[in-house]
Amino acid sequence: MEAKKLMRKLTVLASLLLLLPAVSQAKSLEDLLVEKGVITKSEARGAHHEGGAKVYWRNGSRLDFADTGFSTSIYTKFQTRYTFTDVDNDVAPGASNVSGFSVQTARLGVAGSVLHEEFEYNVEFELGRGEPGLNNGGATLLDAYMTWNACDWGGVQMGQFRPDISRGFSTRVENLQFADRSVVSDFYSIQRNQGVRADVALNDDWQFAAALFNGNSTNEGLNGNGTDNNHLMVVSLRGNLMGDMDPFVEGDIGNTEDMAVNVGVAAGFGENELAFVGATVDEFVLSADLNVKQGGMSFHAEYFTLEHDLGGGADLSSDGFYAQLGYFLEPKEWELALRYGYIDCDNGAAIGNDIQGGLGNSVNVCNDGTAVADDVNEVNLGLNYYWWKNHMKAQLGYSMLDKDLAAPINGEDDEIETRWILQLSSYF
């Protein structure tokens, strides 16, 4: 009798073990309803909530209230560096080399979602200084926006954020392959602006977006309210040609097994305030980028064109590009990177947006008031060590900026500036 009972229990246990693979692969009711289009993914997530709060770490200290569908996280970004700059004394007599330490980035951010990720929000401050070159000793608001994920294939974002011009500028500082962005990206990109953006997923691989911003007229741009009825419009298209990748994380940190190729194009139509003209003129800017990753190798390249309509049939135009190549060495914590950039300055006439959002707020790399360049060449070398991916890394970099002068200065045809940078970067 006992033997029969034991055999019966073993038979039941074996049956359950055989059923486990089928049960583990079975889709939930919510998953089936999403596939049929009866409910949205957001509604399905809400059906899985549990009571109480959950505290954990994910790109910051995160707090989830599953029963109400609310989550929030606090994160920090910190970059400290040493820089040695060797200036060209032949072109600028009396100029001296500079050696010094600095806190390049000190940022605090809060991000999260409400209503089971139907709405998302992000607020980020720069502490102690604004964008590079602005030692204001206070706090500068960088990102401040809310996104409504209206449906599975589209959403709307409103607030202050980066326009899509330049993938390099849209990449967050902790995800950069070099200590600094390319001067080419800085020259052509448009600073954060206040506006609204609509995203539409064309399919699983392609996304289209259209945005409307205040623009770069007087007192507009970063932390500037609208001062007129003219706006900046930006449209963009991005997608994967092969595989799947995040193009806004530079370098192949994930060691992509199969080749992944991503491309993007963005165009901006609006106005920019040009100090030397003393007026706001029409502007058109275009950026296109190519990104490839496979087996620890990465390639990122961007092309830009920028035109300003000065009226009366006159205009200013400029083109530029940069390309960077990276490869993870053995052991995989080490990465070697190389970058080259070029700007056609048109004998110093070219006017860029620069990182501050307009010539009136920044220095034009083509014409700084002393040296007038016909073109600018940039070369960067980088050696990175990753303790914990982009959350904790060290970056050693060498850069050379060569300005081909439109007219010789003190008998020199080029102005050359070189820099060495050692930077420690963290994102928690």
Foldseek 3Di string as FASTA:
>chain_A
DVVVVVVVVVVVVVVVVVCVVVVVPDDDPLVVCCVVVNDAPLVSQLVPFDADKDWDDDLFTKIDGRPFLWIKGKKWKWKKKWKWKDFFCLLPPPDDIDTDIDTQFTKIKMKIAGSSRQKIWIWMKTAQADHPPGRPGGIFTADTKMKGNPGPFKIKIFFKDFAPQDLQVNQDCLQDPANDGDQVSQFAGAAIFGWMKMKGHPDPFKIKMKIKGLAADPQGGRVRDRDDDWIKIKIKMKGKPDDDDDSSRFWPLVQAADKTKMKMKMKMWTWAQAVVLRGIWTKIKIKIWIWMDHRRKIKIKMKMKMKTDSDPPDIAIKIKMKMKIKGQDPVRQKMKMKMKIKIQCQQQVDGGLGHRGHVVVDANPCCRPRFHARMKMKIKIKMKGDPPRSQWIKIWMKMKIWGQGSDDRSNDRITIMMMIMIMIIHMD
